Amino acid sequence: MVFSMAKDKQSNDELGIQDLHREKTQQIITKPDLDYLEEGFIICSNCGCRIFLEDNPPLSISKCRECSNSNFIPLLIKDFWLYEPLGGGGMGSVYHSFFRQNSNVEAALKVLPRKMKNDNFLIESLIGEARSGSKFSNHPHLTKVYEYGLWEDEYYAAYEFIDGIRLDQIIESPVKRPDKQILLWALQILSAEQHIYDSGFLFRDLKPQNVMIDKNGNVKMIDYGLAITVQDALSGSNAENILGSPHYMPPERIVGAPESQYSEIYSLGMLLFHMISRQTFYSSEDIKHLVEKHVVSLRMNNPMMKLPANTNPELVRIVCKMINRNPSARYQTYKELGAELFREFKKTA
């Protein structure tokens, strides 16, 4: 089942989503002039002086010779101009990109760091993520993989560009989200997780930074770097490498036990707790200690005592079951959990 905000009688304006998007939009630069790019130059955003691409390293910041304003130097990869940095880390950088024949066609292109673009491990990570994602990303709440491969001397992966904001930014905003919206997003995540599982994979990296909320108020999950096959997850073949986000990681991953739907449900439970309480369930400045808390630290009799007193008791019960340390005590399937969440969602509609 696919859940959408588009026909919901409570508008995005009422829920504060449009305000957050307006704030974000004010920070976005204008679309490129493709004719200038094809001729080999950009225009300084401050003084209008021409800056020639051949005089500057691609994907770098260049100071205008006339006014010293900083300008980003685009790069052409196949049919896309990489025009604006979106983010990234040691494993790769993502750029807001435009189709060279039509600036209305956008994508998010991921490439490797300039000094490490020939690193075999990073190449396999970049291509492997896109290869896995291409097998399950055709879903309304997943970011589509368009294409990936090698173009001249650049390995790249092209993804759907999401005009939206990350869930962690929404959680940190001053506006508290109503239960109705939180439940809708949880149902949309479950719908995506079910599709990934039906395609033979587990997502394995659920966290607010990997959930985008688009301009219509709907979920788009991003980043398939930790996705593995259901068989590999059940076999524990990844046990030698404990990868994931410490605040949301299931205990079984930490001890090298098999993972399945119940593991993703644990991570979603931790994410739900974060959305409801606006704080993570565990807190620690030391990652090792934070990971250990999922396995060895004592919990209160009612872990949801950390939540506001007016939290929906049924939602408290559901989340408590989702984050039980014992995998067999949790919901075992997405459908089982989805039925309970949908019942609560209908009560709030």
C-alpha atoms as a PDB file:
ATOM      1  CA  MET A   1       0.000   0.000   0.000  1.00  0.00           C
ATOM      2  CA  VAL A   2       1.229   3.512  -0.861  1.00  0.00           C
ATOM      3  CA  PHE A   3       0.305   6.353   1.478  1.00  0.00           C
ATOM      4  CA  SER A   4       0.317   9.937   0.177  1.00  0.00           C
ATOM      5  CA  MET A   5      -0.192  13.404   1.621  1.00  0.00           C
ATOM      6  CA  ALA A   6      -1.492  14.738  -1.693  1.00  0.00           C
ATOM      7  CA  LYS A   7      -5.196  14.098  -0.956  1.00  0.00           C
ATOM      8  CA  ASP A   8      -5.035  14.567   2.795  1.00  0.00           C
ATOM      9  CA  LYS A   9      -7.569  17.107   4.097  1.00  0.00           C
ATOM     10  CA  GLN A  10      -4.977  18.568   6.501  1.00  0.00           C
ATOM     11  CA  SER A  11      -2.788  20.715   4.273  1.00  0.00           C
ATOM     12  CA  ASN A  12       0.966  20.890   4.323  1.00  0.00           C
ATOM     13  CA  ASP A  13       0.633  24.567   5.250  1.00  0.00           C
ATOM     14  CA  GLU A  14      -1.165  23.561   8.452  1.00  0.00           C
ATOM     15  CA  LEU A  15       1.616  21.089   9.240  1.00  0.00           C
ATOM     16  CA  GLY A  16       4.389  23.615   8.634  1.00  0.00           C
ATOM     17  CA  ILE A  17       6.027  21.713   5.767  1.00  0.00           C
ATOM     18  CA  GLN A  18       5.638  24.500   3.220  1.00  0.00           C
ATOM     19  CA  ASP A  19       7.265  27.020   5.563  1.00  0.00           C
ATOM     20  CA  LEU A  20      10.327  24.792   5.914  1.00  0.00           C
ATOM     21  CA  HIS A  21      10.499  24.356   2.147  1.00  0.00           C
ATOM     22  CA  ARG A  22      10.242  28.092   1.578  1.00  0.00           C
ATOM     23  CA  GLU A  23      13.189  28.644   3.922  1.00  0.00           C
ATOM     24  CA  LYS A  24      15.197  26.041   1.999  1.00  0.00           C
ATOM     25  CA  THR A  25      14.215  27.396  -1.422  1.00  0.00           C
ATOM     26  CA  GLN A  26      15.523  30.850  -0.547  1.00  0.00           C
ATOM     27  CA  GLN A  27      19.003  29.324  -0.223  1.00  0.00           C
ATOM     28  CA  ILE A  28      19.000  27.536  -3.606  1.00  0.00           C
ATOM     29  CA  ILE A  29      20.880  29.105  -6.494  1.00  0.00           C
ATOM     30  CA  THR A  30      19.254  29.663  -9.867  1.00  0.00           C
ATOM     31  CA  LYS A  31      19.343  27.097 -12.646  1.00  0.00           C
ATOM     32  CA  PRO A  32      22.380  27.215 -14.946  1.00  0.00           C
ATOM     33  CA  ASP A  33      22.526  28.951 -18.288  1.00  0.00           C
ATOM     34  CA  LEU A  34      23.258  25.902 -20.414  1.00  0.00           C
ATOM     35  CA  ASP A  35      24.424  27.951 -23.393  1.00  0.00           C
ATOM     36  CA  TYR A  36      27.202  29.483 -21.283  1.00  0.00           C
ATOM     37  CA  LEU A  37      28.256  26.091 -19.956  1.00  0.00           C
ATOM     38  CA  GLU A  38      28.365  24.561 -23.417  1.00  0.00           C
ATOM     39  CA  GLU A  39      30.551  27.473 -24.531  1.00  0.00           C
ATOM     40  CA  GLY A  40      32.933  26.763 -21.658  1.00  0.00           C
ATOM     41  CA  PHE A  41      32.290  29.430 -19.043  1.00  0.00           C
ATOM     42  CA  ILE A  42      30.070  30.504 -16.152  1.00  0.00           C
ATOM     43  CA  ILE A  43      29.055  33.969 -15.037  1.00  0.00           C
ATOM     44  CA  CYS A  44      30.206  35.257 -11.644  1.00  0.00           C
ATOM     45  CA  SER A  45      27.143  35.370  -9.403  1.00  0.00           C
ATOM     46  CA  ASN A  46      28.258  38.727  -8.007  1.00  0.00           C
ATOM     47  CA  CYS A  47      29.705  40.865 -10.816  1.00  0.00           C
ATOM     48  CA  GLY A  48      28.770  39.023 -14.030  1.00  0.00           C
ATOM     49  CA  CYS A  49      32.374  38.455 -15.116  1.00  0.00           C
ATOM     50  CA  ARG A  50      33.082  35.365 -17.245  1.00  0.00           C
ATOM     51  CA  ILE A  51      34.934  32.524 -15.498  1.00  0.00           C
ATOM     52  CA  PHE A  52      36.310  29.967 -17.953  1.00  0.00           C
ATOM     53  CA  LEU A  53      35.992  26.302 -17.000  1.00  0.00           C
ATOM     54  CA  GLU A  54      39.295  25.299 -18.589  1.00  0.00           C
ATOM     55  CA  ASP A  55      41.166  27.675 -16.268  1.00  0.00           C
ATOM     56  CA  ASN A  56      39.894  26.014 -13.082  1.00  0.00           C
ATOM     57  CA  PRO A  57      39.751  22.479 -11.654  1.00  0.00           C
ATOM     58  CA  PRO A  58      36.224  21.047 -11.943  1.00  0.00           C
ATOM     59  CA  LEU A  59      34.127  20.718  -8.777  1.00  0.00           C
ATOM     60  CA  SER A  60      36.272  23.347  -7.058  1.00  0.00           C
ATOM     61  CA  ILE A  61      35.628  26.848  -5.738  1.00  0.00           C
ATOM     62  CA  SER A  62      37.164  29.634  -7.796  1.00  0.00           C
ATOM     63  CA  LYS A  63      37.506  33.285  -6.807  1.00  0.00           C
ATOM     64  CA  CYS A  64      36.449  35.770  -9.452  1.00  0.00           C
ATOM     65  CA  ARG A  65      39.419  37.782 -10.708  1.00  0.00           C
ATOM     66  CA  GLU A  66      37.329  40.975 -10.716  1.00  0.00           C
ATOM     67  CA  CYS A  67      35.486  40.893  -7.389  1.00  0.00           C
ATOM     68  CA  SER A  68      36.972  37.886  -5.486  1.00  0.00           C
ATOM     69  CA  ASN A  69      33.507  36.334  -5.173  1.00  0.00           C
ATOM     70  CA  SER A  70      33.571  32.540  -4.746  1.00  0.00           C
ATOM     71  CA  ASN A  71      32.011  30.531  -7.580  1.00  0.00           C
ATOM     72  CA  PHE A  72      31.561  26.772  -7.972  1.00  0.00           C
ATOM     73  CA  ILE A  73      33.124  25.246 -11.108  1.00  0.00           C
ATOM     74  CA  PRO A  74      30.736  22.739 -12.774  1.00  0.00           C
ATOM     75  CA  LEU A  75      31.730  19.439 -14.381  1.00  0.00           C
ATOM     76  CA  LEU A  76      30.112  17.664 -17.329  1.00  0.00           C
ATOM     77  CA  ILE A  77      29.622  13.918 -16.849  1.00  0.00           C
ATOM     78  CA  LYS A  78      27.937  12.227 -19.775  1.00  0.00           C
ATOM     79  CA  ASP A  79      24.655  14.161 -20.234  1.00  0.00           C
ATOM     80  CA  PHE A  80      24.632  16.047 -16.926  1.00  0.00           C
ATOM     81  CA  TRP A  81      26.242  19.222 -15.658  1.00  0.00           C
ATOM     82  CA  LEU A  82      27.202  18.854 -11.981  1.00  0.00           C
ATOM     83  CA  TYR A  83      26.293  22.355 -10.902  1.00  0.00           C
ATOM     84  CA  GLU A  84      25.826  22.661  -7.140  1.00  0.00           C
ATOM     85  CA  PRO A  85      27.157  20.660  -4.157  1.00  0.00           C
ATOM     86  CA  LEU A  86      24.433  18.926  -2.151  1.00  0.00           C
ATOM     87  CA  GLY A  87      26.569  17.141   0.424  1.00  0.00           C
ATOM     88  CA  GLY A  88      28.692  14.068   0.911  1.00  0.00           C
ATOM     89  CA  GLY A  89      31.523  12.593   2.918  1.00  0.00           C
ATOM     90  CA  GLY A  90      34.561  10.371   2.624  1.00  0.00           C
ATOM     91  CA  MET A  91      32.746   7.834   0.432  1.00  0.00           C
ATOM     92  CA  GLY A  92      31.565  10.325  -2.176  1.00  0.00           C
ATOM     93  CA  SER A  93      30.062  13.703  -2.924  1.00  0.00           C
ATOM     94  CA  VAL A  94      26.598  14.472  -4.309  1.00  0.00           C
ATOM     95  CA  TYR A  95      25.835  17.307  -6.714  1.00  0.00           C
ATOM     96  CA  HIS A  96      22.647  18.931  -7.928  1.00  0.00           C
ATOM     97  CA  SER A  97      22.870  18.289 -11.649  1.00  0.00           C
ATOM     98  CA  PHE A  98      21.053  19.345 -14.799  1.00  0.00           C
ATOM     99  CA  PHE A  99      20.543  17.592 -18.129  1.00  0.00           C
ATOM    100  CA  ARG A 100      22.711  19.372 -20.678  1.00  0.00           C
ATOM    101  CA  GLN A 101      19.852  19.642 -23.186  1.00  0.00           C
ATOM    102  CA  ASN A 102      17.202  20.837 -20.725  1.00  0.00           C
ATOM    103  CA  SER A 103      17.804  22.509 -17.365  1.00  0.00           C
ATOM    104  CA  ASN A 104      14.319  21.468 -16.226  1.00  0.00           C
ATOM    105  CA  VAL A 105      15.551  17.867 -16.019  1.00  0.00           C
ATOM    106  CA  GLU A 106      17.389  17.454 -12.712  1.00  0.00           C
ATOM    107  CA  ALA A 107      19.326  14.678 -10.997  1.00  0.00           C
ATOM    108  CA  ALA A 108      21.557  14.094  -8.000  1.00  0.00           C
ATOM    109  CA  LEU A 109      24.917  12.774  -9.207  1.00  0.00           C
ATOM    110  CA  LYS A 110      27.280  11.031  -6.835  1.00  0.00           C
ATOM    111  CA  VAL A 111      30.991  10.953  -7.655  1.00  0.00           C
ATOM    112  CA  LEU A 112      34.112  10.069  -5.708  1.00  0.00           C
ATOM    113  CA  PRO A 113      36.312  12.580  -3.846  1.00  0.00           C
ATOM    114  CA  ARG A 114      38.788  14.198  -6.232  1.00  0.00           C
ATOM    115  CA  LYS A 115      41.891  12.758  -4.560  1.00  0.00           C
ATOM    116  CA  MET A 116      40.407   9.261  -4.264  1.00  0.00           C
ATOM    117  CA  LYS A 117      38.487   8.793  -7.497  1.00  0.00           C
ATOM    118  CA  ASN A 118      40.701   5.873  -8.531  1.00  0.00           C
ATOM    119  CA  ASP A 119      40.428   4.061  -5.204  1.00  0.00           C
ATOM    120  CA  ASN A 120      39.135   0.555  -5.994  1.00  0.00           C
ATOM    121  CA  PHE A 121      37.261   0.147  -2.708  1.00  0.00           C
ATOM    122  CA  LEU A 122      35.412   3.445  -3.166  1.00  0.00           C
ATOM    123  CA  ILE A 123      34.666   2.649  -6.798  1.00  0.00           C
ATOM    124  CA  GLU A 124      33.086  -0.666  -5.819  1.00  0.00           C
ATOM    125  CA  SER A 125      31.134   1.030  -3.014  1.00  0.00           C
ATOM    126  CA  LEU A 126      29.777   3.706  -5.354  1.00  0.00           C
ATOM    127  CA  ILE A 127      28.833   1.304  -8.139  1.00  0.00           C
ATOM    128  CA  GLY A 128      27.663  -1.423  -5.750  1.00  0.00           C
ATOM    129  CA  GLU A 129      25.256   0.940  -3.995  1.00  0.00           C
ATOM    130  CA  ALA A 130      23.741   2.061  -7.290  1.00  0.00           C
ATOM    131  CA  ARG A 131      23.618  -1.504  -8.625  1.00  0.00           C
ATOM    132  CA  SER A 132      21.701  -2.692  -5.549  1.00  0.00           C
ATOM    133  CA  GLY A 133      19.430   0.349  -5.544  1.00  0.00           C
ATOM    134  CA  SER A 134      18.538  -0.124  -9.208  1.00  0.00           C
ATOM    135  CA  LYS A 135      16.921  -3.442  -8.271  1.00  0.00           C
ATOM    136  CA  PHE A 136      14.401  -1.944  -5.841  1.00  0.00           C
ATOM    137  CA  SER A 137      14.236   1.855  -6.211  1.00  0.00           C
ATOM    138  CA  ASN A 138      11.156   1.979  -8.455  1.00  0.00           C
ATOM    139  CA  HIS A 139       8.783   2.938  -5.648  1.00  0.00           C
ATOM    140  CA  PRO A 140       7.044   6.230  -4.722  1.00  0.00           C
ATOM    141  CA  HIS A 141       8.899   6.499  -1.406  1.00  0.00           C
ATOM    142  CA  LEU A 142      12.365   5.532  -2.650  1.00  0.00           C
ATOM    143  CA  THR A 143      14.867   7.659  -4.562  1.00  0.00           C
ATOM    144  CA  LYS A 144      15.159   6.226  -8.059  1.00  0.00           C
ATOM    145  CA  VAL A 145      18.491   5.151  -9.525  1.00  0.00           C
ATOM    146  CA  TYR A 146      18.686   6.507 -13.072  1.00  0.00           C
ATOM    147  CA  GLU A 147      22.040   5.149 -14.239  1.00  0.00           C
ATOM    148  CA  TYR A 148      25.589   4.455 -13.110  1.00  0.00           C
ATOM    149  CA  GLY A 149      28.943   3.557 -14.602  1.00  0.00           C
ATOM    150  CA  LEU A 150      32.177   5.005 -15.958  1.00  0.00           C
ATOM    151  CA  TRP A 151      32.271   8.104 -18.165  1.00  0.00           C
ATOM    152  CA  GLU A 152      35.740   8.925 -19.476  1.00  0.00           C
ATOM    153  CA  ASP A 153      37.740   8.855 -16.197  1.00  0.00           C
ATOM    154  CA  GLU A 154      34.814   9.416 -13.801  1.00  0.00           C
ATOM    155  CA  TYR A 155      32.772   6.773 -12.006  1.00  0.00           C
ATOM    156  CA  TYR A 156      29.329   8.154 -11.245  1.00  0.00           C
ATOM    157  CA  ALA A 157      25.820   7.264 -10.113  1.00  0.00           C
ATOM    158  CA  ALA A 158      22.796   9.345 -11.118  1.00  0.00           C
ATOM    159  CA  TYR A 159      19.820   9.441  -8.764  1.00  0.00           C
ATOM    160  CA  GLU A 160      16.476  11.185  -8.718  1.00  0.00           C
ATOM    161  CA  PHE A 161      16.802  14.729  -7.359  1.00  0.00           C
ATOM    162  CA  ILE A 162      14.485  15.274  -4.397  1.00  0.00           C
ATOM    163  CA  ASP A 163      13.203  18.805  -3.882  1.00  0.00           C
ATOM    164  CA  GLY A 164      12.817  18.466  -0.147  1.00  0.00           C
ATOM    165  CA  ILE A 165      14.354  18.600   3.297  1.00  0.00           C
ATOM    166  CA  ARG A 166      15.840  15.894   5.508  1.00  0.00           C
ATOM    167  CA  LEU A 167      13.845  14.487   8.391  1.00  0.00           C
ATOM    168  CA  ASP A 168      16.539  15.449  10.901  1.00  0.00           C
ATOM    169  CA  GLN A 169      16.078  19.096   9.900  1.00  0.00           C
ATOM    170  CA  ILE A 170      12.338  18.765  10.478  1.00  0.00           C
ATOM    171  CA  ILE A 171      12.854  17.142  13.886  1.00  0.00           C
ATOM    172  CA  GLU A 172      15.164  20.000  14.880  1.00  0.00           C
ATOM    173  CA  SER A 173      12.742  22.700  13.701  1.00  0.00           C
ATOM    174  CA  PRO A 174      10.662  24.600  16.313  1.00  0.00           C
ATOM    175  CA  VAL A 175       7.361  23.067  15.161  1.00  0.00           C
ATOM    176  CA  LYS A 176       6.382  19.800  16.862  1.00  0.00           C
ATOM    177  CA  ARG A 177       4.904  17.303  14.417  1.00  0.00           C
ATOM    178  CA  PRO A 178       1.432  15.893  15.167  1.00  0.00           C
ATOM    179  CA  ASP A 179       0.926  12.150  15.606  1.00  0.00           C
ATOM    180  CA  LYS A 180      -0.989  12.032  12.331  1.00  0.00           C
ATOM    181  CA  GLN A 181       2.006  13.177  10.335  1.00  0.00           C
ATOM    182  CA  ILE A 182       4.468  10.986  12.223  1.00  0.00           C
ATOM    183  CA  LEU A 183       2.270   7.938  11.623  1.00  0.00           C
ATOM    184  CA  LEU A 184       1.911   8.763   7.933  1.00  0.00           C
ATOM    185  CA  TRP A 185       5.669   8.987   7.489  1.00  0.00           C
ATOM    186  CA  ALA A 186       6.139   5.712   9.385  1.00  0.00           C
ATOM    187  CA  LEU A 187       3.610   4.019   7.083  1.00  0.00           C
ATOM    188  CA  GLN A 188       5.362   5.397   4.008  1.00  0.00           C
ATOM    189  CA  ILE A 189       8.721   4.130   5.281  1.00  0.00           C
ATOM    190  CA  LEU A 190       7.158   0.710   5.916  1.00  0.00           C
ATOM    191  CA  SER A 191       5.738   0.677   2.389  1.00  0.00           C
ATOM    192  CA  ALA A 192       9.229   1.344   1.006  1.00  0.00           C
ATOM    193  CA  GLU A 193      10.812  -1.227   3.335  1.00  0.00           C
ATOM    194  CA  GLN A 194       8.282  -3.854   2.220  1.00  0.00           C
ATOM    195  CA  HIS A 195       9.107  -3.165  -1.427  1.00  0.00           C
ATOM    196  CA  ILE A 196      12.848  -3.424  -0.728  1.00  0.00           C
ATOM    197  CA  TYR A 197      12.302  -6.729   1.098  1.00  0.00           C
ATOM    198  CA  ASP A 198      10.074  -8.102  -1.676  1.00  0.00           C
ATOM    199  CA  SER A 199      12.936  -7.272  -4.060  1.00  0.00           C
ATOM    200  CA  GLY A 200      15.296  -9.416  -1.976  1.00  0.00           C
ATOM    201  CA  PHE A 201      17.080  -6.760   0.130  1.00  0.00           C
ATOM    202  CA  LEU A 202      17.220  -5.104   3.549  1.00  0.00           C
ATOM    203  CA  PHE A 203      17.813  -1.331   3.701  1.00  0.00           C
ATOM    204  CA  ARG A 204      19.845  -1.383   6.974  1.00  0.00           C
ATOM    205  CA  ASP A 205      20.554   2.336   7.373  1.00  0.00           C
ATOM    206  CA  LEU A 206      17.358   3.919   8.608  1.00  0.00           C
ATOM    207  CA  LYS A 207      18.035   7.300  10.242  1.00  0.00           C
ATOM    208  CA  PRO A 208      16.617  10.837   9.898  1.00  0.00           C
ATOM    209  CA  GLN A 209      19.468  11.882   7.596  1.00  0.00           C
ATOM    210  CA  ASN A 210      18.429   9.174   5.106  1.00  0.00           C
ATOM    211  CA  VAL A 211      14.780  10.221   4.970  1.00  0.00           C
ATOM    212  CA  MET A 212      13.810  13.166   2.785  1.00  0.00           C
ATOM    213  CA  ILE A 213      10.415  14.848   2.967  1.00  0.00           C
ATOM    214  CA  ASP A 214       9.480  16.227  -0.441  1.00  0.00           C
ATOM    215  CA  LYS A 215       7.576  19.441  -1.125  1.00  0.00           C
ATOM    216  CA  ASN A 216       4.269  17.518  -0.992  1.00  0.00           C
ATOM    217  CA  GLY A 217       5.042  16.234   2.497  1.00  0.00           C
ATOM    218  CA  ASN A 218       5.839  12.665   1.448  1.00  0.00           C
ATOM    219  CA  VAL A 219       8.781  10.412   2.348  1.00  0.00           C
ATOM    220  CA  LYS A 220      11.650   9.695  -0.021  1.00  0.00           C
ATOM    221  CA  MET A 221      14.301   7.347   1.399  1.00  0.00           C
ATOM    222  CA  ILE A 222      17.868   7.894   0.201  1.00  0.00           C
ATOM    223  CA  ASP A 223      21.307   6.211   0.436  1.00  0.00           C
ATOM    224  CA  TYR A 224      21.468   2.491  -0.344  1.00  0.00           C
ATOM    225  CA  GLY A 225      25.072   2.039   0.737  1.00  0.00           C
ATOM    226  CA  LEU A 226      24.361  -0.532   3.476  1.00  0.00           C
ATOM    227  CA  ALA A 227      21.661  -2.511   1.665  1.00  0.00           C
ATOM    228  CA  ILE A 228      22.416  -6.230   1.408  1.00  0.00           C
ATOM    229  CA  THR A 229      20.447  -9.240   0.235  1.00  0.00           C
ATOM    230  CA  VAL A 230      17.972 -10.883   2.572  1.00  0.00           C
ATOM    231  CA  GLN A 231      20.040 -14.084   2.430  1.00  0.00           C
ATOM    232  CA  ASP A 232      23.246 -12.318   3.446  1.00  0.00           C
ATOM    233  CA  ALA A 233      21.412 -10.569   6.284  1.00  0.00           C
ATOM    234  CA  LEU A 234      20.030 -13.862   7.602  1.00  0.00           C
ATOM    235  CA  SER A 235      23.400 -15.583   7.343  1.00  0.00           C
ATOM    236  CA  GLY A 236      25.196 -12.885   9.322  1.00  0.00           C
ATOM    237  CA  SER A 237      27.845 -12.780   6.567  1.00  0.00           C
ATOM    238  CA  ASN A 238      28.444  -9.082   7.277  1.00  0.00           C
ATOM    239  CA  ALA A 239      29.175  -9.663  10.973  1.00  0.00           C
ATOM    240  CA  GLU A 240      32.861  -8.754  10.713  1.00  0.00           C
ATOM    241  CA  ASN A 241      31.944  -5.178   9.744  1.00  0.00           C
ATOM    242  CA  ILE A 242      29.551  -3.416  12.125  1.00  0.00           C
ATOM    243  CA  LEU A 243      28.226  -0.642   9.916  1.00  0.00           C
ATOM    244  CA  GLY A 244      25.281   1.636  10.501  1.00  0.00           C
ATOM    245  CA  SER A 245      24.050   4.569  12.535  1.00  0.00           C
ATOM    246  CA  PRO A 246      24.693   4.025  16.268  1.00  0.00           C
ATOM    247  CA  HIS A 247      21.459   5.662  17.478  1.00  0.00           C
ATOM    248  CA  TYR A 248      19.260   3.361  15.359  1.00  0.00           C
ATOM    249  CA  MET A 249      21.287   0.158  14.946  1.00  0.00           C
ATOM    250  CA  PRO A 250      19.570  -3.131  15.935  1.00  0.00           C
ATOM    251  CA  PRO A 251      21.269  -5.146  18.716  1.00  0.00           C
ATOM    252  CA  GLU A 252      21.558  -8.249  16.528  1.00  0.00           C
ATOM    253  CA  ARG A 253      23.902  -6.450  14.140  1.00  0.00           C
ATOM    254  CA  ILE A 254      26.212  -5.575  17.001  1.00  0.00           C
ATOM    255  CA  VAL A 255      26.506  -9.200  18.141  1.00  0.00           C
ATOM    256  CA  GLY A 256      26.628 -10.677  14.625  1.00  0.00           C
ATOM    257  CA  ALA A 257      23.203 -12.357  14.788  1.00  0.00           C
ATOM    258  CA  PRO A 258      20.894 -12.764  11.764  1.00  0.00           C
ATOM    259  CA  GLU A 259      18.926  -9.718  10.627  1.00  0.00           C
ATOM    260  CA  SER A 260      15.513  -9.597   8.991  1.00  0.00           C
ATOM    261  CA  GLN A 261      12.365  -7.464   8.967  1.00  0.00           C
ATOM    262  CA  TYR A 262      12.370  -7.345  12.780  1.00  0.00           C
ATOM    263  CA  SER A 263      15.765  -5.584  12.627  1.00  0.00           C
ATOM    264  CA  GLU A 264      14.460  -2.819  10.370  1.00  0.00           C
ATOM    265  CA  ILE A 265      11.443  -2.557  12.672  1.00  0.00           C
ATOM    266  CA  TYR A 266      13.790  -1.906  15.616  1.00  0.00           C
ATOM    267  CA  SER A 267      15.487   0.901  13.679  1.00  0.00           C
ATOM    268  CA  LEU A 268      12.129   2.387  12.711  1.00  0.00           C
ATOM    269  CA  GLY A 269      11.064   2.212  16.364  1.00  0.00           C
ATOM    270  CA  MET A 270      14.131   4.198  17.380  1.00  0.00           C
ATOM    271  CA  LEU A 271      13.354   6.676  14.612  1.00  0.00           C
ATOM    272  CA  LEU A 272       9.726   6.970  15.776  1.00  0.00           C
ATOM    273  CA  PHE A 273      10.927   7.609  19.322  1.00  0.00           C
ATOM    274  CA  HIS A 274      13.166  10.386  17.991  1.00  0.00           C
ATOM    275  CA  MET A 275      10.315  11.969  16.027  1.00  0.00           C
ATOM    276  CA  ILE A 276       7.906  11.855  18.972  1.00  0.00           C
ATOM    277  CA  SER A 277      10.294  12.954  21.724  1.00  0.00           C
ATOM    278  CA  ARG A 278      12.640  15.056  19.549  1.00  0.00           C
ATOM    279  CA  GLN A 279      15.584  13.326  21.180  1.00  0.00           C
ATOM    280  CA  THR A 280      17.301  10.005  20.534  1.00  0.00           C
ATOM    281  CA  PHE A 281      16.555   7.070  22.842  1.00  0.00           C
ATOM    282  CA  TYR A 282      20.218   6.720  23.799  1.00  0.00           C
ATOM    283  CA  SER A 283      22.711   9.541  24.116  1.00  0.00           C
ATOM    284  CA  SER A 284      26.469   9.328  24.381  1.00  0.00           C
ATOM    285  CA  GLU A 285      29.390  11.266  22.957  1.00  0.00           C
ATOM    286  CA  ASP A 286      31.371   8.038  22.585  1.00  0.00           C
ATOM    287  CA  ILE A 287      30.233   5.881  19.661  1.00  0.00           C
ATOM    288  CA  LYS A 288      31.495   2.642  21.235  1.00  0.00           C
ATOM    289  CA  HIS A 289      29.497   3.279  24.413  1.00  0.00           C
ATOM    290  CA  LEU A 290      26.469   4.312  22.367  1.00  0.00           C
ATOM    291  CA  VAL A 291      26.525   1.050  20.409  1.00  0.00           C
ATOM    292  CA  GLU A 292      26.966  -0.986  23.596  1.00  0.00           C
ATOM    293  CA  LYS A 293      23.855   0.591  25.121  1.00  0.00           C
ATOM    294  CA  HIS A 294      21.673  -1.216  22.579  1.00  0.00           C
ATOM    295  CA  VAL A 295      22.969  -4.525  23.958  1.00  0.00           C
ATOM    296  CA  VAL A 296      24.164  -4.310  27.562  1.00  0.00           C
ATOM    297  CA  SER A 297      22.762  -1.280  29.399  1.00  0.00           C
ATOM    298  CA  LEU A 298      19.733  -1.521  31.682  1.00  0.00           C
ATOM    299  CA  ARG A 299      16.492   0.042  30.511  1.00  0.00           C
ATOM    300  CA  MET A 300      13.733   1.504  32.622  1.00  0.00           C
ATOM    301  CA  ASN A 301      10.647  -0.667  33.125  1.00  0.00           C
ATOM    302  CA  ASN A 302       8.809   1.640  30.744  1.00  0.00           C
ATOM    303  CA  PRO A 303      11.303   3.108  28.271  1.00  0.00           C
ATOM    304  CA  MET A 304       8.657   5.509  26.985  1.00  0.00           C
ATOM    305  CA  MET A 305       8.669   7.360  30.311  1.00  0.00           C
ATOM    306  CA  LYS A 306      11.091   9.631  28.468  1.00  0.00           C
ATOM    307  CA  LEU A 307       8.207  10.834  26.280  1.00  0.00           C
ATOM    308  CA  PRO A 308       5.811  13.708  27.023  1.00  0.00           C
ATOM    309  CA  ALA A 309       2.976  12.703  29.348  1.00  0.00           C
ATOM    310  CA  ASN A 310       0.318  13.349  26.684  1.00  0.00           C
ATOM    311  CA  THR A 311       1.797  10.877  24.169  1.00  0.00           C
ATOM    312  CA  ASN A 312      -0.820   8.559  22.667  1.00  0.00           C
ATOM    313  CA  PRO A 313      -0.761   5.404  24.896  1.00  0.00           C
ATOM    314  CA  GLU A 314      -1.319   3.100  21.911  1.00  0.00           C
ATOM    315  CA  LEU A 315       1.599   4.671  20.095  1.00  0.00           C
ATOM    316  CA  VAL A 316       3.682   4.203  23.247  1.00  0.00           C
ATOM    317  CA  ARG A 317       2.773   0.509  23.293  1.00  0.00           C
ATOM    318  CA  ILE A 318       3.610   0.053  19.611  1.00  0.00           C
ATOM    319  CA  VAL A 319       6.997   1.752  19.842  1.00  0.00           C
ATOM    320  CA  CYS A 320       7.890  -0.163  23.022  1.00  0.00           C
ATOM    321  CA  LYS A 321       7.289  -3.419  21.164  1.00  0.00           C
ATOM    322  CA  MET A 322       9.287  -2.238  18.143  1.00  0.00           C
ATOM    323  CA  ILE A 323      12.405  -1.465  20.213  1.00  0.00           C
ATOM    324  CA  ASN A 324      12.385  -4.576  22.376  1.00  0.00           C
ATOM    325  CA  ARG A 325      15.941  -5.933  22.636  1.00  0.00           C
ATOM    326  CA  ASN A 326      14.705  -9.459  21.956  1.00  0.00           C
ATOM    327  CA  PRO A 327      14.023  -9.813  18.204  1.00  0.00           C
ATOM    328  CA  SER A 328      11.356 -12.472  18.788  1.00  0.00           C
ATOM    329  CA  ALA A 329       9.404 -10.077  21.044  1.00  0.00           C
ATOM    330  CA  ARG A 330       9.102  -7.422  18.333  1.00  0.00           C
ATOM    331  CA  TYR A 331       6.727  -7.270  15.410  1.00  0.00           C
ATOM    332  CA  GLN A 332       8.037  -9.868  12.996  1.00  0.00           C
ATOM    333  CA  THR A 333       6.860  -8.426   9.682  1.00  0.00           C
ATOM    334  CA  TYR A 334       6.239  -5.030   8.132  1.00  0.00           C
ATOM    335  CA  LYS A 335       2.632  -6.035   7.427  1.00  0.00           C
ATOM    336  CA  GLU A 336       1.993  -6.897  11.082  1.00  0.00           C
ATOM    337  CA  LEU A 337       3.380  -3.549  12.234  1.00  0.00           C
ATOM    338  CA  GLY A 338       1.718  -1.660   9.382  1.00  0.00           C
ATOM    339  CA  ALA A 339      -1.725  -2.931  10.389  1.00  0.00           C
ATOM    340  CA  GLU A 340      -1.300  -1.521  13.912  1.00  0.00           C
ATOM    341  CA  LEU A 341       0.116   1.798  12.740  1.00  0.00           C
ATOM    342  CA  PHE A 342      -2.669   2.174  10.176  1.00  0.00           C
ATOM    343  CA  ARG A 343      -5.329   1.619  12.849  1.00  0.00           C
ATOM    344  CA  GLU A 344      -3.817   4.457  14.869  1.00  0.00           C
ATOM    345  CA  PHE A 345      -3.502   6.618  11.764  1.00  0.00           C
ATOM    346  CA  LYS A 346      -7.219   6.207  10.978  1.00  0.00           C
ATOM    347  CA  LYS A 347      -8.111   7.310  14.516  1.00  0.00           C
ATOM    348  CA  THR A 348      -6.287  10.598  13.946  1.00  0.00           C
ATOM    349  CA  ALA A 349      -7.754  11.245  10.472  1.00  0.00           C
END
